[in-house]
Each structure stands twice: as structure tokens, then as C-alpha cells.
């Protein structure tokens, strides 16, 4: 019973942590490509046509588009805020979830000669975005690259005007910092004609890690190649560390729970003393008797483990299907997320059987040895 309950708790807690990690990954990676290439020693760069062709022809690459990311001052009437500007192409929207992240307005960044800006909800609140209002322009200002003048004069600053196009909402970090504009407008703003700060790459499903390694070999040490998860590696490492720590803590609880196996086997061996003597009398050796009780211990642990896995699986299925545990209507999700992963079940079952084997070893060796002496002595 103790093993069953602890196993079920392990399944439920680890699956809940998987669900939370999945939600966090979705929020932070929604606006990131499968792979991003940036220069190692500079801010802006331009790949040669040969390199660009080689990147596009890499097996597993489905889309390659340049992007410009830099800081600028966003102004709307008398309100302003420093923001992280991301200049992207229409193709970028095919490898990220910008369209689905926009909850007001549109994700369109240009139409003819008109430039639109899509801002995070926090940025929009700071500068007072006015969607669907005639003539409600905002502007982005940035120092021109390579200009030597001192002071923020019109000759030093580039200024590009936009119409508010949309507002996205994902998480507080992104919502309070980022805005999206068309790549051509970004090139004008930052004096970066024919230059870019990154290449955003889309890949076929499950191919990102392999493609990233191939691109590293292709481009060499002058460029940094990162997958979507590596772009936020600190966050995801901390989440994974929390999961591993939780697993080990609950494993200690499982070790305590396996004391029931020690007690059960001890009582069983004491109860079966006569039968053990009979087996010795019939010619059974010491290893055979030990094997019988070791298998009994593993059966006890295995039964508890499997029943616990099934209970945990059932609870997780109920939460996934019916959302019994909720967060309320103000959260990103109104129910607690659950994500089942096969490797968790394998690790849990493996740890339980190892602990059970070690727990059964002491009583079986100690008490069958005593009974062996009694059996020999007659």
C-alpha cells in the first residue's frame, strides 16, 4: 500500500511538473524560431551567398529568414519607453506563433507603404497604444550606426513612424519589452541595409538538434547556433533541475515505504520456518531458498509499483480530461496542466525495483541464513 501510494504520487507530481514546463516553454518559445544563427564576435553580419545557400540546403531546414533585433525608443504623444525591436519578415510568422499570440488587432506588419507595429501588452500600456484610431501614430527612434555627432539631434537619430497594428500577450518578460516591425522598417531604423543580427530557421519536426549540429560544423566558430530551447537554456535547466530534485526527494520517501517489504519478508520467513526446514530436508540448497523469498519481495514491490502507476495514470487522465484542479479565470490556464512522459514511468518503475531488491536482500540473507543453520542442525 505504501509503495502504491508513493508511486502514484511520483507519477502525478512529475506529470504536473512536465505540464508546467510545457506551458512555460510555450510562452517563452512562442516567438522564437526552431534555430537561430547569430555572429560570435559582432552584432550585425551578412552571410555570403554560398553560405546562405548551404544553410538553406541543409537536410531538415524548411525556412530561412533574416531578422534584426536591437533596442530603440518608442514614442506615442508624450509617452515613451525603451523597447527591444524585432524586425522580421512575413516568413518569420510561419515558424513562430506570433499570429496566435496577438489578442488584439492583427499580426500584419506592413501593407503597401504603411508600416504597422505589434507590441507586447505591457509596452502598449506604457505608451498608450490606440488601435483602430485614425491617425494614431507611434514612432521608433534609434541612433544611426556609425555617425559621430554628439547629442541626440535629428541628424543623429533615425525616426520611423508606424500605425499600431496589434497587441500580443504571452508572459510578463516579453510583454513588457518587445515590439515587432517589418524587416525593411528595421533596416531603415538601424541603418542596417543588407545586414541583420540573426538568421531565423524553421526545421522539420524533431530535426532541430541534428540540424543545429550540422550548421555548427558548416559555419564554424564565427557563428553561434542555438535551438529554441537553448535560447532559454537557463530557464529550462532550472525547471529540469527542480524536476530531478523532486524525483530524488520522493525517492527517499519511497525508500521509507519499502521498509514494509522488509517487515513483510521477515514475517513471511518466520512464518514459513517449518516449510524452509522441509525444503532443506528435500535437498534444496541455500541459494534456492533465498531465490524464493527474493522473488516474493520483488512481486510485492512490483505489484505495488504497477498499481501505483495505474492509479497515478488514472488521476492524470481525469485531470487532463475534466480539469478538476483549476487556477481560476485570471491565469494563463484555468486548470492545472498535466503532461505524461513515458520516460518518467520507466525511471519510476526502475528505481522502485532497485530499491525493492536492496530492501529484500537484508532480511532474506539474514533470516534464511539462521534457518539454514537450524535446518542443518536438525
Protein backbone atom coordinates (compact mmCIF):
# COMPACT_ATOMS: atom_id res chain seq x y z
CA UNK A 1 0.00 0.00 0.00
CA UNK A 2 2.78 2.43 0.93
CA UNK A 3 4.66 1.69 -2.30
CA UNK A 4 1.48 2.07 -4.34
CA UNK A 5 0.62 5.48 -2.84
CA UNK A 6 4.19 6.80 -3.17
CA UNK A 7 4.42 5.59 -6.78
CA UNK A 8 1.12 7.27 -7.65
CA UNK A 9 2.37 10.49 -6.03
CA UNK A 10 5.55 10.34 -8.10
CA UNK A 11 3.60 9.93 -11.34
CA UNK A 12 1.19 12.76 -10.54
CA UNK A 13 3.83 15.25 -9.33
CA UNK A 14 6.29 14.59 -12.17
CA UNK A 15 3.49 14.80 -14.76
CA UNK A 16 2.34 18.09 -13.23
CA UNK A 17 5.89 19.45 -13.44
CA UNK A 18 6.04 18.31 -17.08
CA UNK A 19 2.83 20.21 -17.72
CA UNK A 20 4.16 23.40 -16.11
CA UNK A 21 7.42 23.11 -18.09
CA UNK A 22 5.40 22.68 -21.29
CA UNK A 23 3.34 25.80 -20.57
CA UNK A 24 6.43 27.86 -19.73
CA UNK A 25 8.17 26.57 -22.86
CA UNK A 26 5.15 27.54 -24.94
CA UNK A 27 5.11 31.06 -23.51
CA UNK A 28 8.84 31.72 -23.87
CA UNK A 29 9.39 29.87 -27.15
CA UNK A 30 6.27 31.03 -28.99
CA UNK A 31 8.17 33.91 -30.56
CA UNK A 32 11.41 32.01 -31.17
CA UNK A 33 12.47 30.06 -34.28
CA UNK A 34 13.50 26.40 -34.27
CA UNK A 35 17.14 27.51 -34.71
CA UNK A 36 18.78 30.94 -34.54
CA UNK A 37 22.17 31.83 -36.02
CA UNK A 38 23.98 34.90 -34.66
CA UNK A 39 27.54 36.22 -35.13
CA UNK A 40 30.00 35.30 -32.40
CA UNK A 41 32.07 38.49 -32.46
CA UNK A 42 29.82 41.26 -33.74
CA UNK A 43 26.23 42.47 -33.65
CA UNK A 44 25.39 42.72 -37.34
CA UNK A 45 26.51 40.37 -40.08
CA UNK A 46 25.80 39.13 -43.57
CA UNK A 47 26.35 35.59 -44.78
CA UNK A 48 27.88 35.09 -48.18
CA UNK A 49 25.57 33.74 -50.93
CA UNK A 50 27.46 30.42 -50.77
CA UNK A 51 26.95 30.10 -47.01
CA UNK A 52 23.28 31.11 -47.26
CA UNK A 53 22.67 28.51 -49.98
CA UNK A 54 24.41 25.84 -47.90
CA UNK A 55 22.23 26.70 -44.88
CA UNK A 56 19.05 26.50 -46.98
CA UNK A 57 20.09 23.17 -48.47
CA UNK A 58 20.84 21.54 -45.12
CA UNK A 59 18.65 18.47 -44.71
CA UNK A 60 15.76 19.26 -42.37
CA UNK A 61 15.73 23.04 -42.94
CA UNK A 62 12.36 24.23 -44.21
CA UNK A 63 12.70 28.01 -44.00
CA UNK A 64 15.46 30.60 -43.57
CA UNK A 65 14.69 34.27 -42.94
CA UNK A 66 16.85 37.17 -41.69
CA UNK A 67 15.92 39.28 -38.67
CA UNK A 68 17.14 42.43 -36.93
CA UNK A 69 16.93 42.74 -33.15
CA UNK A 70 18.03 45.90 -31.38
CA UNK A 71 16.88 48.45 -28.81
CA UNK A 72 15.08 51.70 -29.66
CA UNK A 73 12.93 54.37 -28.06
CA UNK A 74 9.19 54.01 -28.67
CA UNK A 75 7.22 57.29 -28.53
CA UNK A 76 3.49 57.89 -28.55
CA UNK A 77 2.44 61.51 -27.94
CA UNK A 78 4.16 62.47 -24.66
CA UNK A 79 4.76 58.89 -23.50
CA UNK A 80 7.82 56.84 -24.29
CA UNK A 81 9.56 53.60 -23.44
CA UNK A 82 12.78 51.82 -24.38
CA UNK A 83 11.87 48.59 -26.16
CA UNK A 84 13.52 45.62 -27.83
CA UNK A 85 12.65 45.91 -31.51
CA UNK A 86 12.44 42.75 -33.61
CA UNK A 87 12.40 43.34 -37.34
CA UNK A 88 11.10 40.24 -39.12
CA UNK A 89 9.74 39.16 -42.48
CA UNK A 90 6.35 37.67 -43.27
CA UNK A 91 8.07 34.27 -43.47
CA UNK A 92 9.01 34.55 -39.78
CA UNK A 93 5.34 34.18 -38.86
CA UNK A 94 5.39 30.68 -40.38
CA UNK A 95 7.95 29.42 -37.84
CA UNK A 96 6.61 31.09 -34.70
CA UNK A 97 3.22 31.72 -33.08
CA UNK A 98 3.04 35.50 -33.37
CA UNK A 99 -0.39 35.38 -35.02
CA UNK A 100 -1.89 33.25 -32.24
CA UNK A 101 -0.18 35.37 -29.55
CA UNK A 102 -1.87 38.56 -30.81
CA UNK A 103 -5.09 39.02 -28.83
CA UNK A 104 -5.97 42.50 -30.08
CA UNK A 105 -5.65 43.76 -33.64
CA UNK A 106 -3.59 41.92 -36.25
CA UNK A 107 -0.09 40.48 -36.64
CA UNK A 108 0.29 42.18 -40.05
CA UNK A 109 3.48 44.29 -40.10
CA UNK A 110 3.14 46.11 -43.41
CA UNK A 111 0.61 46.85 -46.12
CA UNK A 112 1.86 48.68 -49.17
CA UNK A 113 3.81 51.69 -47.89
CA UNK A 114 2.20 51.59 -44.45
CA UNK A 115 4.22 50.12 -41.57
CA UNK A 116 2.48 48.55 -38.57
CA UNK A 117 3.90 47.77 -35.15
CA UNK A 118 2.84 44.86 -32.93
CA UNK A 119 3.67 45.43 -29.25
CA UNK A 120 3.55 43.43 -26.05
CA UNK A 121 0.69 44.21 -23.72
CA UNK A 122 2.97 45.85 -21.15
CA UNK A 123 4.59 48.08 -23.77
CA UNK A 124 1.19 49.02 -25.17
CA UNK A 125 0.01 50.06 -21.72
CA UNK A 126 3.11 52.21 -21.09
CA UNK A 127 2.85 54.24 -24.29
CA UNK A 128 -0.94 54.21 -24.69
CA UNK A 129 -1.46 52.21 -27.88
CA UNK A 130 -4.61 53.28 -29.72
CA UNK A 131 -5.71 50.51 -32.06
CA UNK A 132 -8.17 51.26 -34.85
CA UNK A 133 -7.86 55.02 -34.27
CA UNK A 134 -7.42 57.20 -37.33
CA UNK A 135 -4.02 58.93 -37.39
CA UNK A 136 -2.85 57.41 -34.09
CA UNK A 137 0.83 57.09 -35.00
CA UNK A 138 3.75 55.99 -32.87
CA UNK A 139 7.42 56.28 -33.71
CA UNK A 140 10.65 54.45 -33.05
CA UNK A 141 13.91 56.35 -32.60
CA UNK A 142 17.43 54.96 -32.74
CA UNK A 143 20.93 56.46 -33.13
CA UNK A 144 22.25 56.00 -36.65
CA UNK A 145 25.04 53.45 -36.94
CA UNK A 146 28.50 54.92 -37.49
CA UNK A 147 27.53 58.58 -37.00
CA UNK A 148 29.97 60.66 -34.97
CA UNK A 149 27.81 63.62 -33.94
CA UNK A 150 27.42 64.26 -30.21
CA UNK A 151 23.95 64.81 -28.70
CA UNK A 152 20.51 63.50 -29.59
CA UNK A 153 19.80 65.72 -32.58
CA UNK A 154 17.70 64.96 -35.64
CA UNK A 155 20.92 64.35 -37.58
CA UNK A 156 21.94 61.59 -35.15
CA UNK A 157 18.60 59.87 -34.60
CA UNK A 158 16.70 57.81 -37.11
CA UNK A 159 12.92 58.05 -36.68
CA UNK A 160 10.40 55.76 -38.34
CA UNK A 161 6.63 56.11 -37.93
CA UNK A 162 4.16 53.25 -37.50
CA UNK A 163 0.47 52.63 -37.06
CA UNK A 164 -0.41 50.44 -34.05
CA UNK A 165 -1.33 47.11 -35.58
CA UNK A 166 -1.73 44.63 -32.75
CA UNK A 167 -1.03 43.70 -29.15
CA UNK A 168 0.31 40.31 -28.08
CA UNK A 169 0.30 38.71 -24.64
CA UNK A 170 2.46 35.74 -23.63
CA UNK A 171 4.38 36.40 -20.42
CA UNK A 172 5.43 39.44 -18.43
CA UNK A 173 9.05 39.46 -19.61
CA UNK A 174 8.15 39.54 -23.31
CA UNK A 175 5.04 41.70 -22.91
CA UNK A 176 6.97 44.48 -21.17
CA UNK A 177 9.92 44.58 -23.60
CA UNK A 178 9.30 43.51 -27.15
CA UNK A 179 7.74 45.01 -30.29
CA UNK A 180 7.65 43.59 -33.82
CA UNK A 181 8.06 45.57 -37.02
CA UNK A 182 8.73 44.72 -40.65
CA UNK A 183 12.36 43.89 -41.54
CA UNK A 184 12.62 46.74 -44.08
CA UNK A 185 11.46 49.27 -41.48
CA UNK A 186 14.01 47.85 -39.01
CA UNK A 187 16.79 48.16 -41.60
CA UNK A 188 15.84 51.83 -42.08
CA UNK A 189 15.65 52.46 -38.34
CA UNK A 190 19.02 50.91 -37.51
CA UNK A 191 20.92 51.82 -40.73
CA UNK A 192 21.27 48.10 -41.46
CA UNK A 193 20.58 47.81 -45.16
CA UNK A 194 21.61 44.29 -46.33
CA UNK A 195 22.66 43.46 -42.75
CA UNK A 196 20.91 41.53 -39.99
CA UNK A 197 21.53 40.39 -36.42
CA UNK A 198 20.30 36.82 -36.83
CA UNK A 199 19.06 34.16 -39.20
CA UNK A 200 15.80 32.57 -38.06
CA UNK A 201 15.47 28.97 -39.24
CA UNK A 202 12.49 26.63 -39.36
CA UNK A 203 13.03 22.85 -39.30
CA UNK A 204 11.06 19.70 -39.84
CA UNK A 205 9.66 18.18 -36.61
CA UNK A 206 12.25 16.63 -34.26
CA UNK A 207 15.14 17.68 -36.55
CA UNK A 208 16.31 20.85 -34.76
CA UNK A 209 19.12 19.30 -32.68
CA UNK A 210 20.60 17.42 -35.63
CA UNK A 211 20.32 20.42 -37.96
CA UNK A 212 21.94 22.68 -35.34
CA UNK A 213 24.97 20.38 -35.11
CA UNK A 214 25.30 20.30 -38.91
CA UNK A 215 25.08 24.10 -39.10
CA UNK A 216 27.76 24.47 -36.41
CA UNK A 217 30.08 22.28 -38.46
CA UNK A 218 29.19 24.21 -41.64
CA UNK A 219 29.62 27.76 -40.30
CA UNK A 220 32.45 27.24 -37.85
CA UNK A 221 33.27 29.21 -34.70
CA UNK A 222 32.46 32.62 -36.19
CA UNK A 223 28.77 31.97 -35.63
CA UNK A 224 26.62 30.85 -32.70
CA UNK A 225 23.92 28.30 -33.50
CA UNK A 226 21.22 27.70 -30.89
CA UNK A 227 18.00 25.70 -30.86
CA UNK A 228 14.75 27.07 -29.47
CA UNK A 229 15.37 25.52 -26.06
CA UNK A 230 18.98 26.66 -25.94
CA UNK A 231 17.83 30.26 -26.41
CA UNK A 232 16.27 29.99 -22.94
CA UNK A 233 18.62 27.34 -21.56
CA UNK A 234 18.94 28.89 -18.08
CA UNK A 235 15.18 28.79 -17.57
CA UNK A 236 14.76 25.22 -18.80
CA UNK A 237 17.79 23.94 -16.90
CA UNK A 238 16.35 25.34 -13.69
CA UNK A 239 12.99 23.68 -14.43
CA UNK A 240 14.70 20.38 -15.18
CA UNK A 241 16.80 20.67 -12.00
CA UNK A 242 13.63 21.21 -9.98
CA UNK A 243 12.11 18.08 -11.50
CA UNK A 244 15.20 15.98 -10.77
CA UNK A 245 15.36 17.30 -7.19
CA UNK A 246 11.68 16.47 -6.69
CA UNK A 247 12.25 12.97 -8.06
CA UNK A 248 15.11 12.33 -5.60
CA UNK A 249 13.15 13.71 -2.65
CA UNK A 250 10.19 11.45 -3.43
CA UNK A 251 12.61 8.57 -3.96
CA UNK A 252 13.71 8.96 -0.33
CA UNK A 253 10.05 8.70 0.64
CA UNK A 254 9.92 5.57 -1.49
CA UNK A 255 12.89 4.12 0.40
CA UNK A 256 10.96 4.59 3.66
CA UNK A 257 7.92 2.99 2.03
CA UNK A 258 9.96 -0.11 1.13
CA UNK A 259 10.51 -0.83 4.81
CA UNK A 260 7.14 -2.54 4.50
CA UNK A 261 8.86 -5.11 2.26
CA UNK A 262 11.46 -5.76 4.96
CA UNK A 263 8.72 -6.28 7.52
CA UNK A 264 6.60 -8.44 5.21
CA UNK A 265 9.50 -10.71 4.22
CA UNK A 266 10.72 -11.02 7.80
CA UNK A 267 7.28 -12.14 8.97
CA UNK A 268 6.94 -14.48 5.99
CA UNK A 269 10.29 -16.16 6.66
CA UNK A 270 9.46 -16.60 10.37
CA UNK A 271 6.03 -17.98 9.46
CA UNK A 272 7.49 -20.42 6.91
CA UNK A 273 10.25 -21.84 9.12
CA UNK A 274 8.80 -25.36 9.01
CA UNK A 275 8.48 -25.19 5.22
CA UNK A 276 12.07 -23.97 4.92
CA UNK A 277 13.28 -26.92 7.01
CA UNK A 278 11.28 -29.24 4.79
CA UNK A 279 12.87 -27.78 1.65
CA UNK A 280 16.34 -28.26 3.13
CA UNK A 281 15.43 -31.83 4.05
CA UNK A 282 14.30 -32.47 0.46
CA UNK A 283 17.68 -31.31 -0.83
CA UNK A 284 17.09 -27.65 -1.60
CA UNK A 285 20.23 -25.58 -1.33
CA UNK A 286 20.67 -22.21 0.34
CA UNK A 287 20.54 -20.23 -2.95
CA UNK A 288 17.24 -21.81 -3.96
CA UNK A 289 15.55 -20.84 -0.68
CA UNK A 290 16.90 -17.31 -0.90
CA UNK A 291 15.70 -17.06 -4.50
CA UNK A 292 12.15 -17.98 -3.47
CA UNK A 293 11.92 -15.17 -0.92
CA UNK A 294 13.74 -12.65 -3.13
CA UNK A 295 11.16 -13.27 -5.84
CA UNK A 296 8.42 -12.84 -3.25
CA UNK A 297 9.86 -9.44 -2.29
CA UNK A 298 10.07 -8.35 -5.91
CA UNK A 299 6.49 -9.50 -6.52
CA UNK A 300 5.32 -7.39 -3.55
CA UNK A 301 7.21 -4.36 -4.85
CA UNK A 302 6.18 -4.95 -8.46
CA UNK A 303 2.52 -5.26 -7.54
CA UNK A 304 2.66 -2.04 -5.54
CA UNK A 305 4.57 -0.25 -8.29
CA UNK A 306 2.22 -1.27 -11.10
CA UNK A 307 -0.90 -0.47 -9.08
CA UNK A 308 0.64 2.91 -8.16
CA UNK A 309 1.47 3.64 -11.80
CA UNK A 310 -2.10 2.80 -12.80
CA UNK A 311 -3.56 4.98 -10.04
CA UNK A 312 -1.28 7.87 -10.98
CA UNK A 313 -2.14 7.42 -14.66
CA UNK A 314 -5.86 7.41 -13.85
CA UNK A 315 -5.61 10.60 -11.76
CA UNK A 316 -3.62 12.34 -14.52
CA UNK A 317 -6.14 11.24 -17.17
CA UNK A 318 -9.01 12.59 -15.08
CA UNK A 319 -7.22 15.95 -14.69
CA UNK A 320 -6.40 16.13 -18.41
CA UNK A 321 -9.95 15.25 -19.38
CA UNK A 322 -12.08 17.00 -16.77
CA UNK A 323 -9.74 19.69 -15.31
CA UNK A 324 -10.75 19.06 -11.69
CA UNK A 325 -7.91 21.17 -10.25
CA UNK A 326 -8.19 24.75 -11.51
CA UNK A 327 -6.31 28.05 -11.24
CA UNK A 328 -9.25 30.40 -11.68
CA UNK A 329 -10.07 32.57 -14.67
CA UNK A 330 -7.21 35.07 -14.20
CA UNK A 331 -4.35 32.70 -15.02
CA UNK A 332 -2.73 31.78 -18.31
CA UNK A 333 -4.59 28.49 -17.96
CA UNK A 334 -7.69 27.98 -15.88
CA UNK A 335 -6.67 24.42 -14.94
CA UNK A 336 -3.50 22.68 -13.74
CA UNK A 337 -1.58 21.32 -16.76
CA UNK A 338 -0.57 17.66 -16.90
CA UNK A 339 1.81 16.05 -19.39
CA UNK A 340 2.53 12.32 -19.28
CA UNK A 341 6.00 11.22 -20.40
CA UNK A 342 6.91 7.58 -20.96
CA UNK A 343 10.46 8.04 -19.61
CA UNK A 344 9.04 9.07 -16.22
CA UNK A 345 7.22 5.74 -15.95
CA UNK A 346 10.40 3.85 -16.88
CA UNK A 347 12.50 5.75 -14.30
CA UNK A 348 9.91 5.32 -11.54
CA UNK A 349 9.49 1.58 -12.16
CA UNK A 350 13.27 1.08 -12.41
CA UNK A 351 14.02 2.96 -9.17
CA UNK A 352 11.28 1.09 -7.30
CA UNK A 353 12.58 -2.33 -8.38
CA UNK A 354 16.19 -1.44 -7.49
CA UNK A 355 15.16 -0.17 -4.05
CA UNK A 356 12.93 -3.22 -3.57
CA UNK A 357 15.79 -5.59 -4.48
CA UNK A 358 18.14 -3.92 -1.99
CA UNK A 359 15.43 -3.84 0.69
CA UNK A 360 14.65 -7.53 0.26
CA UNK A 361 18.31 -8.53 0.29
CA UNK A 362 18.94 -7.96 4.02
CA UNK A 363 16.02 -9.91 5.56
CA UNK A 364 16.35 -12.75 3.07
CA UNK A 365 20.09 -13.15 3.65
CA UNK A 366 19.88 -12.73 7.43
CA UNK A 367 16.86 -14.89 8.26
CA UNK A 368 17.34 -17.65 5.72
CA UNK A 369 20.92 -17.99 6.97
CA UNK A 370 19.62 -18.51 10.51
CA UNK A 371 17.07 -21.03 9.29
CA UNK A 372 19.74 -22.78 7.25
CA UNK A 373 21.74 -23.37 10.45
CA UNK A 374 18.61 -24.64 12.19
CA UNK A 375 17.86 -26.95 9.27
CA UNK A 376 21.37 -28.39 9.24
CA UNK A 377 21.34 -28.82 12.97
CA UNK A 378 18.24 -30.92 12.69
